[in-house]
Protein backbone atom coordinates (compact mmCIF):
# COMPACT_ATOMS: atom_id res chain seq x y z
CA UNK A 1 -17.17 19.83 29.97
CA UNK A 2 -18.62 16.65 28.55
CA UNK A 3 -21.83 15.18 29.91
CA UNK A 4 -20.22 11.75 29.87
CA UNK A 5 -16.72 10.70 30.93
CA UNK A 6 -15.94 8.99 27.61
CA UNK A 7 -16.68 12.09 25.52
CA UNK A 8 -14.08 14.74 24.70
CA UNK A 9 -15.36 18.15 23.62
CA UNK A 10 -13.35 21.02 22.19
CA UNK A 11 -15.26 24.29 22.42
CA UNK A 12 -15.15 26.56 19.38
CA UNK A 13 -12.68 29.40 19.48
CA UNK A 14 -10.42 27.77 22.07
CA UNK A 15 -7.10 25.90 21.70
CA UNK A 16 -7.63 22.24 21.03
CA UNK A 17 -4.17 20.84 21.80
CA UNK A 18 -5.61 18.31 24.21
CA UNK A 19 -8.53 17.02 22.18
CA UNK A 20 -8.70 13.34 23.04
CA UNK A 21 -8.19 11.63 26.38
CA UNK A 22 -7.98 14.14 29.19
CA UNK A 23 -4.47 14.63 30.46
CA UNK A 24 -3.43 13.38 33.87
CA UNK A 25 -0.26 13.12 35.89
CA UNK A 26 0.64 9.87 34.12
CA UNK A 27 3.15 10.38 31.27
CA UNK A 28 1.59 9.80 27.87
CA UNK A 29 2.93 7.06 25.59
CA UNK A 30 5.40 8.17 22.92
CA UNK A 31 2.87 7.49 20.15
CA UNK A 32 0.40 9.89 21.79
CA UNK A 33 3.00 12.60 22.38
CA UNK A 34 4.27 12.44 18.79
CA UNK A 35 0.89 12.78 17.09
CA UNK A 36 1.16 15.45 14.36
CA UNK A 37 -0.58 18.68 15.38
CA UNK A 38 -0.77 20.25 11.92
CA UNK A 39 -1.20 19.08 8.37
CA UNK A 40 2.41 20.01 7.66
CA UNK A 41 3.56 17.61 10.38
CA UNK A 42 1.35 14.84 9.00
CA UNK A 43 3.38 12.23 7.08
CA UNK A 44 1.92 10.00 4.39
CA UNK A 45 -1.48 9.90 2.69
CA UNK A 46 -0.29 12.32 0.03
CA UNK A 47 -3.10 11.31 -2.30
CA UNK A 48 -5.55 12.75 0.26
CA UNK A 49 -3.59 15.45 2.05
CA UNK A 50 -1.03 16.64 -0.47
CA UNK A 51 -1.05 20.34 -1.37
CA UNK A 52 -4.19 21.23 -3.29
CA UNK A 53 -5.93 17.90 -2.66
CA UNK A 54 -9.68 18.29 -1.96
CA UNK A 55 -9.59 16.90 1.61
CA UNK A 56 -6.70 19.15 2.59
CA UNK A 57 -8.44 22.18 1.11
CA UNK A 58 -11.62 21.34 3.08
CA UNK A 59 -9.67 21.10 6.33
CA UNK A 60 -7.69 24.28 5.73
CA UNK A 61 -10.90 26.16 4.88
CA UNK A 62 -12.69 24.70 7.92
CA UNK A 63 -15.38 23.38 5.63
CA UNK A 64 -15.23 19.61 6.10
CA UNK A 65 -18.20 17.43 5.15
CA UNK A 66 -19.28 14.15 6.75
CA UNK A 67 -16.74 11.43 6.07
CA UNK A 68 -15.51 7.96 6.93
CA UNK A 69 -11.78 7.35 7.33
CA UNK A 70 -11.03 3.74 6.42
CA UNK A 71 -7.59 2.25 6.86
CA UNK A 72 -5.43 -0.21 8.81
CA UNK A 73 -4.34 0.43 12.41
CA UNK A 74 -1.75 3.13 12.92
CA UNK A 75 -2.14 4.81 9.53
CA UNK A 76 -3.31 8.17 10.92
CA UNK A 77 -7.12 8.08 11.09
CA UNK A 78 -7.45 9.35 14.66
CA UNK A 79 -4.52 11.73 14.15
CA UNK A 80 -6.25 13.28 11.15
CA UNK A 81 -9.40 13.76 13.21
CA UNK A 82 -7.32 15.45 15.94
CA UNK A 83 -5.79 17.79 13.34
CA UNK A 84 -9.28 18.71 12.17
CA UNK A 85 -10.25 19.32 15.79
CA UNK A 86 -7.36 21.76 16.24
CA UNK A 87 -8.13 23.69 13.07
CA UNK A 88 -11.91 23.87 13.12
CA UNK A 89 -14.00 26.68 14.58
CA UNK A 90 -16.79 24.18 15.18
CA UNK A 91 -17.48 22.41 18.42
CA UNK A 92 -15.66 19.09 18.15
CA UNK A 93 -17.02 16.06 20.01
CA UNK A 94 -15.02 12.86 20.08
CA UNK A 95 -16.08 9.59 21.57
CA UNK A 96 -15.34 5.94 21.18
CA UNK A 97 -17.76 3.36 19.89
CA UNK A 98 -16.35 1.00 22.50
CA UNK A 99 -17.58 3.14 25.41
CA UNK A 100 -20.55 5.20 24.24
CA UNK A 101 -24.08 3.83 24.02
CA UNK A 102 -27.25 4.92 22.27
CA UNK A 103 -28.36 7.01 25.27
CA UNK A 104 -25.19 9.12 25.11
CA UNK A 105 -25.52 9.50 21.35
CA UNK A 106 -29.09 10.80 21.58
CA UNK A 107 -28.21 13.36 24.27
CA UNK A 108 -25.26 14.69 22.28
CA UNK A 109 -27.33 14.78 19.08
CA UNK A 110 -30.07 16.77 20.85
CA UNK A 111 -27.50 19.32 22.04
CA UNK A 112 -26.02 19.55 18.54
CA UNK A 113 -29.47 20.19 17.09
CA UNK A 114 -30.03 23.05 19.55
CA UNK A 115 -26.65 24.60 18.68
CA UNK A 116 -27.29 24.32 14.94
CA UNK A 117 -30.39 26.51 15.34
CA UNK A 118 -28.18 29.29 16.68
CA UNK A 119 -25.68 28.95 13.86
CA UNK A 120 -23.10 26.86 15.72
CA UNK A 121 -21.58 23.86 13.97
CA UNK A 122 -20.75 20.54 15.64
CA UNK A 123 -18.30 17.94 14.36
CA UNK A 124 -18.75 14.47 15.85
CA UNK A 125 -15.81 12.08 15.59
CA UNK A 126 -16.50 8.40 16.26
CA UNK A 127 -13.51 6.10 16.58
CA UNK A 128 -14.03 2.43 15.65
CA UNK A 129 -17.44 3.19 14.20
CA UNK A 130 -17.70 -0.39 12.95
CA UNK A 131 -18.29 -1.45 16.56
CA UNK A 132 -21.61 0.41 16.64
CA UNK A 133 -24.65 -1.74 15.95
CA UNK A 134 -27.39 -0.73 13.52
CA UNK A 135 -29.52 1.03 16.17
CA UNK A 136 -26.58 3.10 17.37
CA UNK A 137 -25.67 4.12 13.83
CA UNK A 138 -29.32 4.94 13.13
CA UNK A 139 -29.22 7.49 15.97
CA UNK A 140 -26.79 9.64 13.96
CA UNK A 141 -28.65 9.41 10.68
CA UNK A 142 -31.38 12.09 10.98
CA UNK A 143 -28.90 14.62 12.38
CA UNK A 144 -26.40 14.00 9.58
CA UNK A 145 -29.22 14.27 7.03
CA UNK A 146 -30.57 17.48 8.55
CA UNK A 147 -27.10 19.03 8.78
CA UNK A 148 -27.13 19.33 12.58
CA UNK A 149 -23.72 17.64 12.74
CA UNK A 150 -20.75 16.87 10.56
CA UNK A 151 -20.00 13.20 11.11
CA UNK A 152 -16.46 11.78 10.97
CA UNK A 153 -16.06 8.06 11.55
CA UNK A 154 -12.87 6.00 11.69
CA UNK A 155 -12.79 2.30 10.96
CA UNK A 156 -10.38 -0.50 10.17
CA UNK A 157 -13.16 -2.55 8.57
CA UNK A 158 -14.74 -2.25 5.14
CA UNK A 159 -17.51 0.37 5.53
CA UNK A 160 -19.56 -1.40 2.86
CA UNK A 161 -20.16 -4.22 5.33
CA UNK A 162 -19.91 -2.47 8.69
CA UNK A 163 -21.71 0.87 8.20
CA UNK A 164 -25.44 1.02 7.47
CA UNK A 165 -26.26 2.01 3.90
CA UNK A 166 -28.17 5.25 4.71
CA UNK A 167 -25.25 6.58 6.76
CA UNK A 168 -22.72 5.36 4.19
CA UNK A 169 -24.57 7.17 1.40
CA UNK A 170 -24.37 10.46 3.32
CA UNK A 171 -20.63 10.34 3.93
CA UNK A 172 -17.55 10.45 1.75
CA UNK A 173 -15.24 7.45 2.27
CA UNK A 174 -11.54 8.29 2.33
CA UNK A 175 -9.17 5.31 2.17
CA UNK A 176 -5.94 5.67 4.12
CA UNK A 177 -3.01 3.36 3.31
CA UNK A 178 -0.65 1.61 5.67
CA UNK A 179 2.47 3.73 6.08
CA UNK A 180 5.46 2.47 4.06
CA UNK A 181 8.59 1.52 5.96
CA UNK A 182 10.69 4.59 4.93
CA UNK A 183 8.01 6.97 6.27
CA UNK A 184 7.85 5.11 9.57
CA UNK A 185 11.65 5.34 9.81
CA UNK A 186 11.30 9.11 9.33
CA UNK A 187 8.74 9.25 12.15
CA UNK A 188 11.08 7.31 14.44
CA UNK A 189 13.93 9.71 13.66
CA UNK A 190 11.65 12.59 14.56
CA UNK A 191 10.87 10.97 17.89
CA UNK A 192 14.57 10.45 18.65
CA UNK A 193 15.39 14.08 17.86
CA UNK A 194 12.33 15.86 19.28
CA UNK A 195 13.30 17.37 22.62
CA UNK A 196 9.82 18.73 23.34
CA UNK A 197 7.61 15.67 22.86
CA UNK A 198 9.97 12.85 21.92
CA UNK A 199 13.18 11.28 23.21
CA UNK A 200 15.53 14.07 22.17
CA UNK A 201 16.47 15.01 25.71
CA UNK A 202 17.27 11.47 26.80
CA UNK A 203 20.42 10.94 24.67
CA UNK A 204 18.98 7.84 23.03
CA UNK A 205 20.79 6.57 19.94
CA UNK A 206 19.69 4.02 17.32
CA UNK A 207 21.36 3.50 13.96
CA UNK A 208 19.48 3.33 10.67
CA UNK A 209 19.47 -0.47 10.61
CA UNK A 210 17.74 -0.66 14.00
CA UNK A 211 15.17 1.95 12.98
CA UNK A 212 14.54 0.09 9.73
CA UNK A 213 13.97 -3.15 11.69
CA UNK A 214 11.51 -1.46 14.02
CA UNK A 215 9.65 0.07 11.09
CA UNK A 216 9.61 -3.19 9.12
CA UNK A 217 8.16 -5.23 11.95
CA UNK A 218 5.48 -2.58 12.53
CA UNK A 219 3.87 -3.61 9.19
CA UNK A 220 2.68 -0.11 8.35
CA UNK A 221 1.45 0.69 11.87
CA UNK A 222 3.13 3.86 13.16
CA UNK A 223 1.70 3.38 16.65
CA UNK A 224 3.27 -0.08 16.92
CA UNK A 225 6.63 1.33 15.78
CA UNK A 226 6.50 4.11 18.36
CA UNK A 227 5.63 1.62 21.09
CA UNK A 228 8.59 -0.59 20.16
CA UNK A 229 10.97 2.38 20.11
CA UNK A 230 9.61 3.64 23.44
CA UNK A 231 10.06 0.25 25.10
CA UNK A 232 13.56 -0.14 23.68
CA UNK A 233 14.51 3.36 24.88
CA UNK A 234 13.28 2.59 28.39
CA UNK A 235 15.33 -0.60 28.40
CA UNK A 236 18.53 0.81 26.91
CA UNK A 237 21.41 0.93 29.36
CA UNK A 238 23.66 4.01 29.65
CA UNK A 239 27.06 3.87 28.02
CA UNK A 240 29.53 6.55 29.06
CA UNK A 241 30.87 8.53 26.11
CA UNK A 242 34.33 8.54 27.66
CA UNK A 243 34.40 4.79 28.27
CA UNK A 244 37.77 3.26 27.45
CA UNK A 245 39.72 6.52 27.91
CA UNK A 246 42.11 7.21 30.71
CA UNK A 247 40.30 8.56 33.73
CA UNK A 248 42.10 11.90 33.54
CA UNK A 249 41.07 12.28 29.87
CA UNK A 250 37.43 11.38 30.33
CA UNK A 251 35.02 14.26 30.81
CA UNK A 252 32.89 13.50 33.82
CA UNK A 253 30.20 15.95 32.74
CA UNK A 254 29.64 14.32 29.35
CA UNK A 255 26.16 12.78 29.07
CA UNK A 256 25.81 9.05 28.93
CA UNK A 257 24.63 7.70 25.59
CA UNK A 258 21.95 5.03 25.70
CA UNK A 259 22.20 2.88 22.58
CA UNK A 260 19.43 0.72 21.21
CA UNK A 261 21.42 -2.22 19.89
CA UNK A 262 20.28 -5.09 17.70
CA UNK A 263 20.56 -7.44 20.70
CA UNK A 264 18.34 -5.15 22.76
CA UNK A 265 15.81 -4.93 19.93
CA UNK A 266 15.74 -8.73 19.71
CA UNK A 267 14.84 -8.85 23.41
CA UNK A 268 12.10 -6.26 22.96
CA UNK A 269 10.62 -7.93 19.88
CA UNK A 270 11.22 -11.39 21.34
CA UNK A 271 12.48 -12.64 18.02
CA UNK A 272 15.81 -13.14 16.36
CA UNK A 273 16.86 -10.46 13.87
CA UNK A 274 18.32 -12.19 10.86
CA UNK A 275 21.22 -10.58 9.05
CA UNK A 276 19.73 -8.29 6.44
CA UNK A 277 20.44 -5.06 4.64
CA UNK A 278 17.47 -3.92 2.59
CA UNK A 279 19.56 -1.83 0.22
CA UNK A 280 22.82 -3.79 0.39
CA UNK A 281 24.34 -7.02 -0.89
CA UNK A 282 22.44 -9.35 1.42
CA UNK A 283 19.11 -8.10 0.04
CA UNK A 284 20.17 -8.93 -3.52
CA UNK A 285 21.68 -12.25 -2.47
CA UNK A 286 18.43 -13.39 -0.89
CA UNK A 287 16.12 -12.32 -3.70
CA UNK A 288 18.51 -13.98 -6.16
CA UNK A 289 18.31 -17.20 -4.14
CA UNK A 290 14.49 -17.07 -4.15
CA UNK A 291 14.29 -16.41 -7.89
CA UNK A 292 16.75 -19.14 -8.82
CA UNK A 293 15.05 -21.66 -6.51
CA UNK A 294 11.73 -20.99 -8.28
CA UNK A 295 13.40 -21.25 -11.69
CA UNK A 296 14.96 -24.57 -10.66
CA UNK A 297 11.56 -25.96 -9.58
CA UNK A 298 12.59 -26.32 -5.92
CA UNK A 299 9.55 -25.46 -3.75
CA UNK A 300 11.33 -26.22 -0.46
CA UNK A 301 14.16 -23.80 -1.17
CA UNK A 302 11.72 -21.20 -2.50
CA UNK A 303 9.69 -21.38 0.71
CA UNK A 304 12.86 -21.11 2.81
CA UNK A 305 14.21 -18.01 1.07
CA UNK A 306 10.78 -16.37 0.97
CA UNK A 307 10.26 -16.93 4.70
CA UNK A 308 13.76 -15.80 5.55
CA UNK A 309 13.21 -12.51 3.73
CA UNK A 310 9.84 -11.97 5.41
CA UNK A 311 11.29 -12.73 8.83
CA UNK A 312 14.15 -10.33 8.12
CA UNK A 313 11.70 -7.49 7.62
CA UNK A 314 11.48 -7.33 3.83
CA UNK A 315 8.46 -5.55 2.37
CA UNK A 316 6.01 -8.36 1.46
CA UNK A 317 4.68 -6.36 -1.49
CA UNK A 318 8.20 -6.20 -2.91
CA UNK A 319 8.31 -10.01 -2.81
CA UNK A 320 4.86 -10.17 -4.41
CA UNK A 321 6.03 -7.90 -7.25
CA UNK A 322 9.12 -10.04 -7.82
CA UNK A 323 7.03 -13.20 -8.05
CA UNK A 324 4.74 -11.54 -10.60
CA UNK A 325 7.89 -10.92 -12.64
CA UNK A 326 8.96 -14.58 -12.24
CA UNK A 327 5.58 -15.72 -13.55
CA UNK A 328 6.26 -13.99 -16.87
CA UNK A 329 10.03 -14.38 -17.09
CA UNK A 330 10.49 -18.03 -16.15
CA UNK A 331 7.08 -19.60 -16.76
CA UNK A 332 5.28 -17.45 -19.27
CA UNK A 333 2.78 -19.29 -21.45
CA UNK A 334 3.92 -22.71 -20.26
CA UNK A 335 1.45 -22.08 -17.42
CA UNK A 336 -0.63 -18.93 -18.06
CA UNK A 337 -2.32 -19.33 -14.68
CA UNK A 338 0.94 -18.48 -12.90
CA UNK A 339 0.46 -14.79 -13.56
CA UNK A 340 -3.07 -14.90 -12.18
CA UNK A 341 -1.90 -16.75 -9.06
CA UNK A 342 0.84 -14.22 -8.30
CA UNK A 343 -1.47 -11.26 -8.83
CA UNK A 344 -4.06 -12.90 -6.59
CA UNK A 345 -1.36 -13.41 -3.93
CA UNK A 346 -0.47 -9.73 -4.10
CA UNK A 347 -4.13 -8.74 -3.72
CA UNK A 348 -4.61 -11.24 -0.88
CA UNK A 349 -1.71 -9.76 1.07
CA UNK A 350 -2.95 -6.24 0.38
CA UNK A 351 -6.34 -7.30 1.75
CA UNK A 352 -5.19 -9.39 4.74
CA UNK A 353 -1.90 -7.79 5.72
CA UNK A 354 0.66 -9.57 7.88
CA UNK A 355 0.93 -12.25 9.05
CA UNK A 356 -2.17 -13.81 7.44
CA UNK A 357 -1.22 -12.60 3.97
CA UNK A 358 2.20 -14.29 4.15
CA UNK A 359 0.52 -17.62 3.45
CA UNK A 360 -0.78 -16.34 0.11
CA UNK A 361 2.78 -15.40 -0.87
CA UNK A 362 3.98 -18.86 0.16
CA UNK A 363 1.25 -20.42 -1.99
CA UNK A 364 2.40 -18.39 -4.98
CA UNK A 365 6.05 -19.35 -4.43
CA UNK A 366 5.22 -23.07 -4.38
CA UNK A 367 2.95 -22.76 -7.42
CA UNK A 368 5.68 -21.00 -9.40
CA UNK A 369 8.23 -23.61 -8.37
CA UNK A 370 6.10 -26.52 -9.53
CA UNK A 371 4.82 -24.91 -12.73
CA UNK A 372 6.37 -25.94 -16.09
CA UNK A 373 9.11 -23.52 -17.10
CA UNK A 374 9.67 -21.55 -20.28
CA UNK A 375 11.59 -18.38 -21.01
CA UNK A 376 10.38 -18.26 -24.62
CA UNK A 377 8.23 -15.20 -23.98
CA UNK A 378 11.06 -13.44 -22.10
CA UNK A 379 13.50 -14.20 -24.93
CA UNK A 380 11.04 -13.09 -27.61
CA UNK A 381 10.37 -9.78 -25.85
CA UNK A 382 14.12 -9.16 -25.57
CA UNK A 383 14.67 -9.80 -29.28
CA UNK A 384 11.82 -7.45 -30.16
CA UNK A 385 13.34 -4.70 -28.00
CA UNK A 386 16.68 -5.19 -29.77
CA UNK A 387 15.07 -4.91 -33.21
CA UNK A 388 13.11 -1.82 -32.18
CA UNK A 389 16.33 -0.22 -30.96
CA UNK A 390 18.55 -1.26 -33.87
CA UNK A 391 16.34 -1.07 -36.97
CA UNK A 392 14.68 1.79 -38.75
CA UNK A 393 11.16 2.60 -37.56
CA UNK A 394 9.50 1.71 -40.85
CA UNK A 395 5.99 3.08 -41.38
CA UNK A 396 2.98 0.89 -40.76
CA UNK A 397 2.15 -1.00 -43.99
CA UNK A 398 -0.76 0.61 -45.84
CA UNK A 399 -2.91 -2.54 -45.70
CA UNK A 400 -2.84 -2.42 -41.86
CA UNK A 401 -4.05 1.17 -41.68
CA UNK A 402 -7.69 2.15 -41.23
CA UNK A 403 -9.10 4.28 -44.04
CA UNK A 404 -11.24 6.60 -41.92
CA UNK A 405 -11.54 9.30 -44.61
CA UNK A 406 -12.03 9.27 -48.37
CA UNK A 407 -8.59 10.77 -48.93
CA UNK A 408 -6.94 8.03 -46.90
CA UNK A 409 -8.78 5.38 -48.93
CA UNK A 410 -7.73 7.01 -52.17
CA UNK A 411 -4.03 6.92 -51.25
CA UNK A 412 -4.20 3.21 -50.42
CA UNK A 413 -4.99 2.97 -46.71
CA UNK A 414 -6.50 -0.46 -46.02
CA UNK A 415 -5.92 -1.70 -49.57
CA UNK A 416 -5.07 -5.40 -49.58
CA UNK A 417 -6.19 -6.02 -46.01
CA UNK A 418 -7.49 -9.56 -45.45
CA UNK A 419 -10.16 -9.97 -42.75
CA UNK A 420 -9.22 -13.25 -41.02
CA UNK A 421 -12.80 -14.09 -40.00
CA UNK A 422 -13.78 -14.35 -43.65
CA UNK A 423 -11.40 -17.28 -44.12
CA UNK A 424 -12.09 -20.89 -43.24
CA UNK A 425 -9.10 -21.29 -40.91
CA UNK A 426 -9.32 -17.70 -39.58
CA UNK A 427 -5.75 -17.20 -40.82
CA UNK A 428 -4.38 -15.41 -43.90
CA UNK A 429 -0.95 -15.15 -45.48
CA UNK A 430 -0.94 -11.37 -44.97
CA UNK A 431 2.28 -9.97 -43.47
CA UNK A 432 1.77 -7.81 -40.36
CA UNK A 433 5.37 -6.71 -39.73
CA UNK A 434 7.06 -3.67 -41.28
CA UNK A 435 8.70 -4.36 -44.64
CA UNK A 436 12.21 -4.29 -43.19
CA UNK A 437 11.33 -7.05 -40.70
CA UNK A 438 9.08 -9.18 -42.91
CA UNK A 439 9.45 -12.88 -42.08
CA UNK A 440 11.12 -12.23 -38.72
CA UNK A 441 10.11 -14.67 -35.94
CA UNK A 442 10.54 -13.96 -32.25
CA UNK A 443 8.39 -16.34 -30.25
CA UNK A 444 9.54 -19.96 -30.21
CA UNK A 445 7.35 -21.91 -27.77
CA UNK A 446 8.84 -24.86 -25.93
CA UNK A 447 7.28 -28.27 -25.34
CA UNK A 448 6.61 -27.47 -21.66
CA UNK A 449 3.10 -27.37 -20.20
CA UNK A 450 0.49 -25.33 -22.06
CA UNK A 451 3.18 -24.02 -24.36
CA UNK A 452 3.28 -27.43 -26.01
CA UNK A 453 -0.23 -26.76 -27.29
CA UNK A 454 0.80 -23.27 -28.40
CA UNK A 455 3.75 -24.76 -30.24
CA UNK A 456 1.46 -27.08 -32.16
CA UNK A 457 -0.96 -24.23 -32.86
CA UNK A 458 1.85 -22.03 -34.16
CA UNK A 459 3.03 -24.86 -36.40
CA UNK A 460 -0.50 -25.24 -37.81
CA UNK A 461 -0.75 -21.49 -38.45
CA UNK A 462 2.52 -21.49 -40.37
CA UNK A 463 1.37 -24.42 -42.52
CA UNK A 464 -1.86 -22.59 -43.34
CA UNK A 465 0.04 -19.46 -44.30
CA UNK A 466 2.32 -21.43 -46.60
CA UNK A 467 -0.56 -22.85 -48.67
CA UNK A 468 -1.17 -21.48 -52.17
CA UNK A 469 -3.47 -18.42 -51.89
CA UNK A 470 -7.16 -18.93 -52.41
CA UNK A 471 -9.99 -16.44 -52.61
CA UNK A 472 -11.94 -15.89 -49.39
CA UNK A 473 -15.19 -15.53 -51.29
CA UNK A 474 -15.83 -12.33 -49.35
CA UNK A 475 -15.16 -8.69 -49.88
CA UNK A 476 -11.75 -7.67 -48.62
């Protein structure tokens, strides 16, 4: 038994199914009941826990080292610690940084030191470690350094700023990602079908669209999705399976189905669910409207369609990727900064999450709408692809090849190459295309934005190349 009420200790060699808050007569929330108990039940984080990955191997071999689990809420940090607790033969101590103080830490560390002298290992799991101040974190340091404990901390904040450097240097940081919507949908289906821990025995029904909406609005947080499903299930009203049949045909012993409808979900979420089908026509209609509004330089319409998709539950990173595409397809070199703005918006959302990150996406949409437009780069790339597909793959001209050996030089590699920096205008009349495409032009800049300058520059380059040849005065 723990010395302090906030600590949870699993003794070595005993089942650890209840590591965490001590059970009571009060039913546990669905999210708590559905926590994976094994690595095979764990969904997501494949880059860390996939078969053969170092962290998984450590856990399976009961040979974990001190670590920090960094990731957004509901991505599986505490669950992973619970799985380790179930599988380890060490004593596992779990406590929260919200409740434990430095006095409790020192007592537990002293006990761990005593146990280590008799060959017993202790794993200490600290949830929300970023809430510990410097003095509290310092209390762990000598025991981690001496090997008295294996330290596992979980945090939603950047450890570089929230964990003291000496402790950070003695732990391995594992970054956990927010769960993608399809994986959260899979978790919700598990909960609906699980008769032991989930809602399987309650005859609850929700179609794929409802589950997708729940998962989308959870923004990568599995706990939030479970809580929404649980609340909706508690609110769902029974609907007799035999409803609408003649009374003599209805089976009185048939269970009543409780359906989570879109209207019920709207009440639970306290927001209107806009018509949307992520994989159907409406999805493509909306993204088409956003793209064409940007192309038509209409920032108001672009903001409207962007917001409507976000409010409908679309993946914000999908929208960010599409706007990166727009920056190259519809703006290109007319405004080179457009690509940087869209990439920055993607990174900003990845850093901030929802809803704060939505504003960065809105900023990018307006910037793209107001930027000068050019599809010259898009058209040029398409023409190049066509030529690559339709023409012979002629060898690289000899003058463009590097003569890295004497033999290569003797057969003509590099012969006739003109080093542009040796010429006054830094331009030569040397052809750089294969012989079968010599003289072909693909890029035709417009007079829009920065591309107007590029158009003039390209015109100057072509004039220089058309001059009568003159010696560079340098070795070629």
